[in-house]
Amino acid sequence: MTKDEMNKKLLQQVNSLTSTVDSLNATINAQTQLIAQLNQTIQELKEQLNKNSKNSSKPPSSDGYKKPAPKSLRKPSGKKVGGQDGHQGTHLAVITAPDEIVTHMPSACKGCRHYQMCKGTACIAEKRHVIDAVVTVNVTEHQVLELPICMLHGDTRRGEFPADVKAAVQYGENLQALSVALNTVGAVSIKRTHEILSGVFNIPISTGTISSMVKRCADSLSEAVGKIKDKMIDSALGHFDETGTRVDKKLWWVHDASNCEYTYLDISPKRENAGMEQCGVLPEFKGIAMHDCWASYWNYPDIQHAVCCAHLLRELTGIDEKHPDQKWASAFIDLLLEMKKVKDKAVEKGKHSLSYYHYHKFDKKYDELIEQARKENPLPETTEKKRGRKKKRKNPCVGRTPCELQGLSLPFYP
């Protein structure tokens, strides 16, 4: 083999090895990116797996058998446990006119031949009272009387039954009210309401009858419910939420709109904006909407939003537990708790707003923490438009919270 042929062969080998190295480098880079994506996915899945009702917006019912240990956000006050000095306690009042009196002689006197004589001379040493409920059934018979001859007019006169007595045998208003209260207020199923009433009162009331009672009550309250809805639409501040329930073995949603005076509930098979539109309060609402920051609420841009601070505290607690390097989260928890403490003290003193000092102090600290959170969780740089989903933040679950907090109404003070 000549020298030129050897050089040519070596050059071919170098080119082949260079191509192999370039290919391997490309593979390594691709695998490095894939590993980074997988690590991020694993981190997100771990965070989802470790979420509970104490460190996220998940409801307590989702905790299952892995309920987290109670962890209060309150700081130690240094006071002793229990009722404080000056606290007015509550207790059962002493009964002065009992319905029944039962006397108790010494047990050793039982069977003694002087028992009755001694009982007549015994005096009361101590009194104790037992308050109990007596379950009875009262049957009222209504009789319509007829006069063969009226002494004044000379004709036959007949009485009339009351308007609410329409059948030969029917259930009274108290039993109807109890049936409706158990099923609606007590959330007892119609079948179990039937079992309770039948067992306690020995009345063979059917499930169909109970269902009719509930429907009649609902129909009679339709006007009042409409007025409550109007009051909520005109309210300056409203709390909005939704919760799942079962209707004919299918998942439906109860939409709630409430304030300190009124609560309006509506039910829909839809949870999102379709259900909110059916409920009818949010589409016409003009005040401040307090909610849990669910995405569908932000589809109403014409109203002012305020996020429930209990939900924020849980999410901030989750960030503080899972990402200890995010120092702003614990500082934000302290800020929210301090704001509430100052607000409560102002309310106790009869004030309707905070001082300019506190307002400026909280407003400044709030913005500083938002900016700190944004710096610690910047958006990824975007160079050119590409198909597919946009890149997420380094910690998307962490970065979402500052976005929720920015520009919101602070419900602690006007």
Protein backbone atom coordinates (compact mmCIF):
# COMPACT_ATOMS: atom_id res chain seq x y z
CA MET A 1 0.00 0.00 0.00
CA THR A 2 1.43 3.32 -1.05
CA LYS A 3 1.69 6.36 1.20
CA ASP A 4 -1.09 8.19 -0.65
CA GLU A 5 -3.43 5.22 -0.34
CA MET A 6 -2.70 4.98 3.39
CA ASN A 7 -3.37 8.71 3.89
CA LYS A 8 -6.63 8.41 1.96
CA LYS A 9 -7.75 5.46 4.07
CA LEU A 10 -6.86 7.27 7.31
CA LEU A 11 -8.75 10.35 6.14
CA GLN A 12 -11.82 8.22 5.46
CA GLN A 13 -11.57 6.73 8.95
CA VAL A 14 -11.25 10.21 10.49
CA ASN A 15 -14.31 11.42 8.57
CA SER A 16 -16.24 8.32 9.62
CA LEU A 17 -15.26 8.74 13.28
CA THR A 18 -16.07 12.47 13.16
CA SER A 19 -19.51 11.66 11.76
CA THR A 20 -19.99 9.04 14.47
CA VAL A 21 -18.96 11.51 17.20
CA ASP A 22 -21.34 14.15 15.82
CA SER A 23 -24.15 11.60 15.74
CA LEU A 24 -23.40 10.48 19.30
CA ASN A 25 -23.25 14.09 20.50
CA ALA A 26 -26.64 14.76 18.91
CA THR A 27 -28.01 11.64 20.59
CA ILE A 28 -26.55 12.70 23.95
CA ASN A 29 -28.05 16.19 23.60
CA ALA A 30 -31.45 14.74 22.69
CA GLN A 31 -31.30 12.30 25.59
CA THR A 32 -30.20 15.09 27.95
CA GLN A 33 -33.24 17.14 26.95
CA LEU A 34 -35.47 14.09 27.28
CA ILE A 35 -34.07 13.33 30.75
CA ALA A 36 -34.68 16.93 31.80
CA GLN A 37 -38.28 16.73 30.53
CA LEU A 38 -38.82 13.40 32.27
CA ASN A 39 -37.36 14.74 35.52
CA GLN A 40 -39.72 17.70 35.33
CA THR A 41 -42.66 15.37 34.64
CA ILE A 42 -41.64 13.15 37.56
CA GLN A 43 -41.41 16.21 39.82
CA GLU A 44 -44.88 17.37 38.74
CA LEU A 45 -46.33 13.89 39.28
CA LYS A 46 -44.73 13.69 42.73
CA GLU A 47 -46.26 17.04 43.62
CA GLN A 48 -49.68 15.86 42.45
CA LEU A 49 -49.27 12.64 44.43
CA ASN A 50 -48.32 14.53 47.60
CA LYS A 51 -51.18 17.01 47.37
CA ASN A 52 -53.87 16.89 50.05
CA SER A 53 -56.49 19.18 51.53
CA LYS A 54 -53.91 20.89 53.76
CA ASN A 55 -51.44 21.98 51.08
CA SER A 56 -53.63 22.45 47.99
CA SER A 57 -57.16 23.28 46.86
CA LYS A 58 -58.22 19.64 46.97
CA PRO A 59 -61.30 18.97 49.14
CA PRO A 60 -60.95 16.92 52.36
CA SER A 61 -63.08 14.18 50.80
CA SER A 62 -60.24 13.45 48.36
CA ASP A 63 -57.79 12.57 51.15
CA GLY A 64 -59.21 9.06 51.51
CA TYR A 65 -57.46 6.97 54.14
CA LYS A 66 -54.30 9.10 53.94
CA LYS A 67 -55.62 12.06 55.88
CA PRO A 68 -52.81 14.46 56.82
CA ALA A 69 -52.18 15.24 60.45
CA PRO A 70 -53.81 18.51 61.53
CA LYS A 71 -51.41 21.41 61.17
CA SER A 72 -52.60 24.81 62.33
CA LEU A 73 -51.34 27.98 60.65
CA ARG A 74 -51.82 29.92 63.88
CA LYS A 75 -48.78 31.14 65.73
CA PRO A 76 -48.45 30.39 69.49
CA SER A 77 -49.99 33.23 71.48
CA GLY A 78 -48.35 32.36 74.80
CA LYS A 79 -51.72 32.17 76.54
CA LYS A 80 -52.85 29.15 78.52
CA VAL A 81 -55.08 26.58 76.85
CA GLY A 82 -58.85 26.91 77.36
CA GLY A 83 -61.20 29.77 78.14
CA GLN A 84 -59.48 33.09 78.77
CA ASP A 85 -60.14 35.49 81.65
CA GLY A 86 -63.33 37.42 81.05
CA HIS A 87 -64.70 34.84 78.62
CA GLN A 88 -68.44 34.32 79.09
CA GLY A 89 -69.08 30.59 79.04
CA THR A 90 -72.29 28.78 78.14
CA HIS A 91 -74.00 26.02 80.10
CA LEU A 92 -77.41 24.46 80.74
CA ALA A 93 -79.58 26.71 82.87
CA VAL A 94 -80.94 25.41 86.18
CA ILE A 95 -84.53 24.18 85.80
CA THR A 96 -86.96 25.72 88.31
CA ALA A 97 -90.18 24.06 87.11
CA PRO A 98 -89.52 20.44 86.06
CA ASP A 99 -92.20 18.41 84.27
CA GLU A 100 -91.58 15.34 86.41
CA ILE A 101 -89.95 14.69 89.79
CA VAL A 102 -88.37 11.35 90.73
CA THR A 103 -87.15 10.84 94.32
CA HIS A 104 -84.39 8.45 95.37
CA MET A 105 -84.23 6.99 98.87
CA PRO A 106 -81.06 5.28 100.15
CA SER A 107 -80.72 1.87 98.51
CA ALA A 108 -80.08 0.26 101.92
CA CYS A 109 -83.59 1.29 103.04
CA LYS A 110 -85.30 -0.78 100.41
CA GLY A 111 -87.38 -3.53 102.07
CA CYS A 112 -87.23 -1.92 105.52
CA ARG A 113 -90.55 -2.01 107.43
CA HIS A 114 -90.10 1.67 108.37
CA TYR A 115 -89.54 2.71 104.73
CA GLN A 116 -92.76 4.69 104.24
CA MET A 117 -92.46 6.44 107.61
CA CYS A 118 -88.85 7.45 106.95
CA LYS A 119 -89.69 8.58 103.43
CA GLY A 120 -92.25 11.01 104.83
CA THR A 121 -89.63 12.65 107.03
CA ALA A 122 -86.80 12.68 104.44
CA CYS A 123 -85.58 16.03 103.10
CA ILE A 124 -84.00 16.95 99.77
CA ALA A 125 -80.21 16.73 99.98
CA GLU A 126 -79.34 17.48 96.33
CA LYS A 127 -81.04 18.08 92.98
CA ARG A 128 -79.98 17.08 89.48
CA HIS A 129 -81.87 17.61 86.23
CA VAL A 130 -82.04 15.50 83.06
CA ILE A 131 -83.29 17.21 79.89
CA ASP A 132 -84.76 14.78 77.38
CA ALA A 133 -87.10 14.83 74.38
CA VAL A 134 -90.36 12.90 74.38
CA VAL A 135 -91.47 11.54 71.00
CA THR A 136 -95.25 11.32 70.70
CA VAL A 137 -97.78 11.12 67.89
CA ASN A 138 -100.79 13.42 68.12
CA VAL A 139 -103.88 12.52 66.08
CA THR A 140 -106.42 15.32 65.65
CA GLU A 141 -109.93 14.42 64.46
CA HIS A 142 -111.71 17.20 62.60
CA GLN A 143 -115.52 16.94 62.74
CA VAL A 144 -117.81 19.00 60.53
CA LEU A 145 -121.04 19.74 62.37
CA GLU A 146 -124.41 20.12 60.68
CA LEU A 147 -127.40 22.06 61.99
CA PRO A 148 -130.72 20.51 60.81
CA ILE A 149 -132.52 23.83 61.26
CA CYS A 150 -130.89 27.22 61.76
CA MET A 151 -132.72 29.01 64.56
CA LEU A 152 -132.18 32.34 62.79
CA HIS A 153 -132.76 31.55 59.10
CA GLY A 154 -134.63 28.25 59.26
CA ASP A 155 -132.38 26.39 56.78
CA THR A 156 -129.83 23.60 57.17
CA ARG A 157 -126.29 24.74 57.95
CA ARG A 158 -123.05 22.68 57.67
CA GLY A 159 -119.54 23.55 58.88
CA GLU A 160 -116.40 23.51 56.72
CA PHE A 161 -113.05 21.76 57.10
CA PRO A 162 -109.95 23.98 57.33
CA ALA A 163 -108.31 24.66 53.96
CA ASP A 164 -105.31 22.44 54.80
CA VAL A 165 -107.47 19.43 55.77
CA LYS A 166 -108.19 17.93 52.36
CA ALA A 167 -108.32 14.14 52.86
CA ALA A 168 -109.97 11.62 55.15
CA VAL A 169 -106.54 10.80 56.62
CA GLN A 170 -103.44 12.90 56.05
CA TYR A 171 -100.16 13.94 57.65
CA GLY A 172 -99.98 17.16 59.66
CA GLU A 173 -97.77 20.20 59.10
CA ASN A 174 -95.26 19.31 61.84
CA LEU A 175 -94.60 15.86 60.38
CA GLN A 176 -94.33 17.31 56.87
CA ALA A 177 -91.88 19.96 58.08
CA LEU A 178 -89.76 17.33 59.85
CA SER A 179 -89.72 15.13 56.73
CA VAL A 180 -88.60 18.00 54.50
CA ALA A 181 -85.98 19.18 57.03
CA LEU A 182 -84.44 15.71 57.34
CA ASN A 183 -84.23 15.29 53.57
CA THR A 184 -83.01 18.80 52.67
CA VAL A 185 -81.31 20.46 55.64
CA GLY A 186 -80.11 17.16 57.12
CA ALA A 187 -79.18 15.68 53.71
CA VAL A 188 -80.87 12.38 54.66
CA SER A 189 -82.01 10.32 51.69
CA ILE A 190 -85.75 9.83 51.15
CA LYS A 191 -85.41 6.12 51.88
CA ARG A 192 -83.63 6.72 55.18
CA THR A 193 -86.07 9.51 56.08
CA HIS A 194 -88.85 6.95 55.60
CA GLU A 195 -86.99 4.47 57.82
CA ILE A 196 -86.37 7.04 60.58
CA LEU A 197 -89.94 8.34 60.69
CA SER A 198 -91.44 4.85 60.50
CA GLY A 199 -89.17 3.60 63.28
CA VAL A 200 -89.52 6.60 65.61
CA PHE A 201 -93.22 7.40 65.16
CA ASN A 202 -94.50 4.00 63.96
CA ILE A 203 -96.17 5.78 61.03
CA PRO A 204 -96.20 3.95 57.66
CA ILE A 205 -95.17 7.01 55.63
CA SER A 206 -94.01 6.04 52.13
CA THR A 207 -91.03 7.32 50.16
CA GLY A 208 -93.38 8.66 47.48
CA THR A 209 -95.26 10.71 50.07
CA ILE A 210 -91.99 12.18 51.40
CA SER A 211 -90.92 13.06 47.85
CA SER A 212 -94.24 14.84 47.28
CA MET A 213 -93.80 16.79 50.53
CA VAL A 214 -90.37 18.01 49.41
CA LYS A 215 -91.71 19.03 45.98
CA ARG A 216 -94.65 20.94 47.48
CA CYS A 217 -92.28 22.77 49.81
CA ALA A 218 -89.98 23.66 46.91
CA ASP A 219 -92.89 24.96 44.83
CA SER A 220 -94.12 27.14 47.70
CA LEU A 221 -90.62 28.66 48.09
CA SER A 222 -90.02 29.48 44.41
CA GLU A 223 -90.82 33.17 44.87
CA ALA A 224 -88.55 33.45 47.92
CA VAL A 225 -85.72 31.68 46.06
CA GLY A 226 -86.07 34.15 43.18
CA LYS A 227 -85.75 37.07 45.58
CA ILE A 228 -82.61 35.51 47.13
CA LYS A 229 -81.12 35.20 43.63
CA ASP A 230 -81.83 38.88 42.93
CA LYS A 231 -80.23 39.86 46.25
CA MET A 232 -77.08 37.93 45.35
CA ILE A 233 -76.88 39.55 41.91
CA ASP A 234 -77.04 42.99 43.54
CA SER A 235 -74.59 42.06 46.32
CA ALA A 236 -71.34 44.04 46.63
CA LEU A 237 -69.41 40.89 47.61
CA GLY A 238 -70.28 37.32 46.71
CA HIS A 239 -68.68 33.96 47.50
CA PHE A 240 -68.86 31.46 44.64
CA ASP A 241 -68.13 27.75 44.66
CA GLU A 242 -69.29 24.46 43.17
CA THR A 243 -69.44 20.95 44.58
CA GLY A 244 -70.27 17.58 43.09
CA THR A 245 -73.33 15.50 43.94
CA ARG A 246 -75.13 12.46 42.57
CA VAL A 247 -78.36 12.70 40.53
CA ASP A 248 -79.70 9.41 39.14
CA LYS A 249 -76.25 7.87 39.66
CA LYS A 250 -74.63 10.60 37.54
CA LEU A 251 -72.29 13.40 38.60
CA TRP A 252 -73.99 16.79 38.77
CA TRP A 253 -72.77 20.07 40.25
CA VAL A 254 -74.28 22.32 42.90
CA HIS A 255 -73.35 25.94 42.16
CA ASP A 256 -73.28 28.22 45.19
CA ALA A 257 -73.50 32.00 45.47
CA SER A 258 -73.58 33.43 48.99
CA ASN A 259 -72.78 36.33 51.27
CA CYS A 260 -73.24 37.01 54.99
CA GLU A 261 -77.04 37.21 54.57
CA TYR A 262 -78.10 35.01 51.66
CA THR A 263 -77.21 31.69 50.05
CA TYR A 264 -78.41 30.77 46.57
CA LEU A 265 -77.95 27.20 45.28
CA ASP A 266 -78.62 25.80 41.83
CA ILE A 267 -77.84 22.41 40.31
CA SER A 268 -76.55 21.58 36.85
CA PRO A 269 -74.98 18.64 35.00
CA LYS A 270 -72.19 21.04 33.99
CA ARG A 271 -69.45 22.41 36.23
CA GLU A 272 -67.83 24.92 33.88
CA ASN A 273 -69.26 28.18 32.53
CA ALA A 274 -72.33 26.41 31.14
CA GLY A 275 -73.34 25.52 34.70
CA MET A 276 -72.51 29.02 35.95
CA GLU A 277 -74.65 30.53 33.20
CA GLN A 278 -77.53 28.25 34.18
CA CYS A 279 -77.17 29.32 37.80
CA GLY A 280 -77.61 32.87 36.53
CA VAL A 281 -75.83 34.90 39.22
CA LEU A 282 -72.30 35.38 37.85
CA PRO A 283 -73.38 36.52 34.34
CA GLU A 284 -75.23 39.50 35.89
CA PHE A 285 -73.00 40.01 38.94
CA LYS A 286 -71.19 43.38 39.20
CA GLY A 287 -69.52 43.20 42.62
CA ILE A 288 -66.39 41.46 43.95
CA ALA A 289 -66.41 37.70 43.30
CA MET A 290 -64.61 35.63 45.94
CA HIS A 291 -63.71 32.15 44.68
CA ASP A 292 -61.12 29.38 44.79
CA CYS A 293 -59.27 30.54 41.66
CA TRP A 294 -60.74 27.85 39.41
CA ALA A 295 -60.03 28.72 35.76
CA SER A 296 -63.68 29.09 34.68
CA TYR A 297 -64.24 32.05 37.02
CA TRP A 298 -61.69 34.12 35.09
CA ASN A 299 -63.96 33.99 32.03
CA TYR A 300 -65.89 36.86 33.63
CA PRO A 301 -63.45 39.78 33.12
CA ASP A 302 -65.99 42.53 33.84
CA ILE A 303 -66.16 41.74 37.55
CA GLN A 304 -63.53 42.22 40.24
CA HIS A 305 -61.98 38.99 41.52
CA ALA A 306 -60.74 38.03 44.99
CA VAL A 307 -59.26 34.62 45.76
CA CYS A 308 -60.25 32.82 48.95
CA CYS A 309 -57.31 33.25 51.33
CA ALA A 310 -57.86 29.81 52.86
CA HIS A 311 -57.12 28.29 49.44
CA LEU A 312 -54.11 30.56 48.97
CA LEU A 313 -52.70 29.58 52.36
CA ARG A 314 -53.04 25.89 51.51
CA GLU A 315 -51.28 26.31 48.16
CA LEU A 316 -48.56 28.47 49.71
CA THR A 317 -48.11 25.83 52.43
CA GLY A 318 -47.69 23.21 49.70
CA ILE A 319 -45.02 25.32 47.97
CA ASP A 320 -43.21 25.93 51.26
CA GLU A 321 -43.20 22.19 52.07
CA LYS A 322 -42.18 20.89 48.64
CA HIS A 323 -39.91 23.76 47.53
CA PRO A 324 -38.02 25.09 50.58
CA ASP A 325 -35.85 27.18 48.26
CA GLN A 326 -38.91 29.31 47.45
CA LYS A 327 -38.47 31.70 50.38
CA TRP A 328 -41.23 34.04 49.22
CA ALA A 329 -43.94 31.45 49.97
CA SER A 330 -43.41 31.38 53.75
CA ALA A 331 -43.08 35.19 53.75
CA PHE A 332 -46.40 35.44 51.92
CA ILE A 333 -48.06 33.16 54.49
CA ASP A 334 -46.81 35.44 57.28
CA LEU A 335 -48.07 38.50 55.40
CA LEU A 336 -51.59 37.13 54.88
CA LEU A 337 -51.87 36.05 58.52
CA GLU A 338 -50.60 39.44 59.71
CA MET A 339 -53.11 41.22 57.49
CA LYS A 340 -55.95 39.18 58.94
CA LYS A 341 -54.77 39.80 62.49
CA VAL A 342 -54.60 43.57 61.99
CA LYS A 343 -57.98 43.57 60.25
CA ASP A 344 -59.64 41.60 63.09
CA LYS A 345 -58.28 44.05 65.67
CA ALA A 346 -59.62 46.98 63.63
CA VAL A 347 -63.07 45.37 63.45
CA GLU A 348 -63.06 44.80 67.22
CA LYS A 349 -62.47 48.55 67.65
CA GLY A 350 -65.42 49.36 65.40
CA LYS A 351 -63.33 50.56 62.45
CA HIS A 352 -64.41 50.04 58.83
CA SER A 353 -60.99 50.45 57.22
CA LEU A 354 -57.31 50.29 58.09
CA SER A 355 -55.00 53.23 58.66
CA TYR A 356 -52.96 54.65 55.81
CA TYR A 357 -49.82 53.27 57.46
CA HIS A 358 -51.05 49.67 57.45
CA TYR A 359 -52.57 49.99 53.99
CA HIS A 360 -49.31 51.30 52.49
CA LYS A 361 -47.21 48.79 54.43
CA PHE A 362 -49.22 45.75 53.29
CA ASP A 363 -49.55 47.01 49.72
CA LYS A 364 -45.79 47.53 49.40
CA LYS A 365 -44.89 44.17 50.96
CA TYR A 366 -47.47 42.42 48.77
CA ASP A 367 -45.95 43.80 45.55
CA GLU A 368 -42.41 43.03 46.75
CA LEU A 369 -43.24 39.37 47.35
CA ILE A 370 -45.00 39.08 43.99
CA GLU A 371 -41.89 40.44 42.27
CA GLN A 372 -39.65 38.09 44.26
CA ALA A 373 -41.81 35.13 43.26
CA ARG A 374 -41.68 36.12 39.59
CA LYS A 375 -37.89 36.41 39.67
CA GLU A 376 -37.55 32.97 41.25
CA ASN A 377 -39.95 31.48 38.67
CA PRO A 378 -39.32 33.26 35.35
CA LEU A 379 -41.08 32.34 32.16
CA PRO A 380 -38.90 30.37 29.71
CA GLU A 381 -37.38 32.34 26.85
CA THR A 382 -39.20 31.96 23.55
CA THR A 383 -37.19 32.41 20.36
CA GLU A 384 -39.27 31.32 17.38
CA LYS A 385 -42.82 30.08 17.06
CA LYS A 386 -43.11 26.32 17.12
CA ARG A 387 -46.02 23.95 17.00
CA GLY A 388 -47.19 22.22 20.16
CA ARG A 389 -47.55 23.35 23.73
CA LYS A 390 -45.63 26.31 25.06
CA LYS A 391 -42.76 25.72 27.45
CA LYS A 392 -43.67 25.82 31.12
CA ARG A 393 -41.89 27.55 33.97
CA LYS A 394 -39.14 25.78 35.83
CA ASN A 395 -41.70 24.96 38.54
CA PRO A 396 -45.14 25.43 36.89
CA CYS A 397 -47.10 24.59 40.04
CA VAL A 398 -45.08 27.19 41.94
CA GLY A 399 -45.20 29.81 39.21
CA ARG A 400 -49.00 29.66 38.95
CA THR A 401 -49.58 31.07 42.43
CA PRO A 402 -47.88 34.48 41.90
CA CYS A 403 -49.99 34.89 38.75
CA GLU A 404 -53.12 34.25 40.82
CA LEU A 405 -52.05 36.76 43.45
CA GLN A 406 -51.12 39.57 41.08
CA GLY A 407 -53.81 42.23 40.63
CA LEU A 408 -56.37 40.66 42.97
CA SER A 409 -58.57 42.43 45.49
CA LEU A 410 -57.28 42.03 49.00
CA PRO A 411 -60.40 40.95 50.92
CA PHE A 412 -58.95 42.07 54.27
CA TYR A 413 -59.37 45.78 53.71
CA PRO A 414 -61.03 48.21 51.26
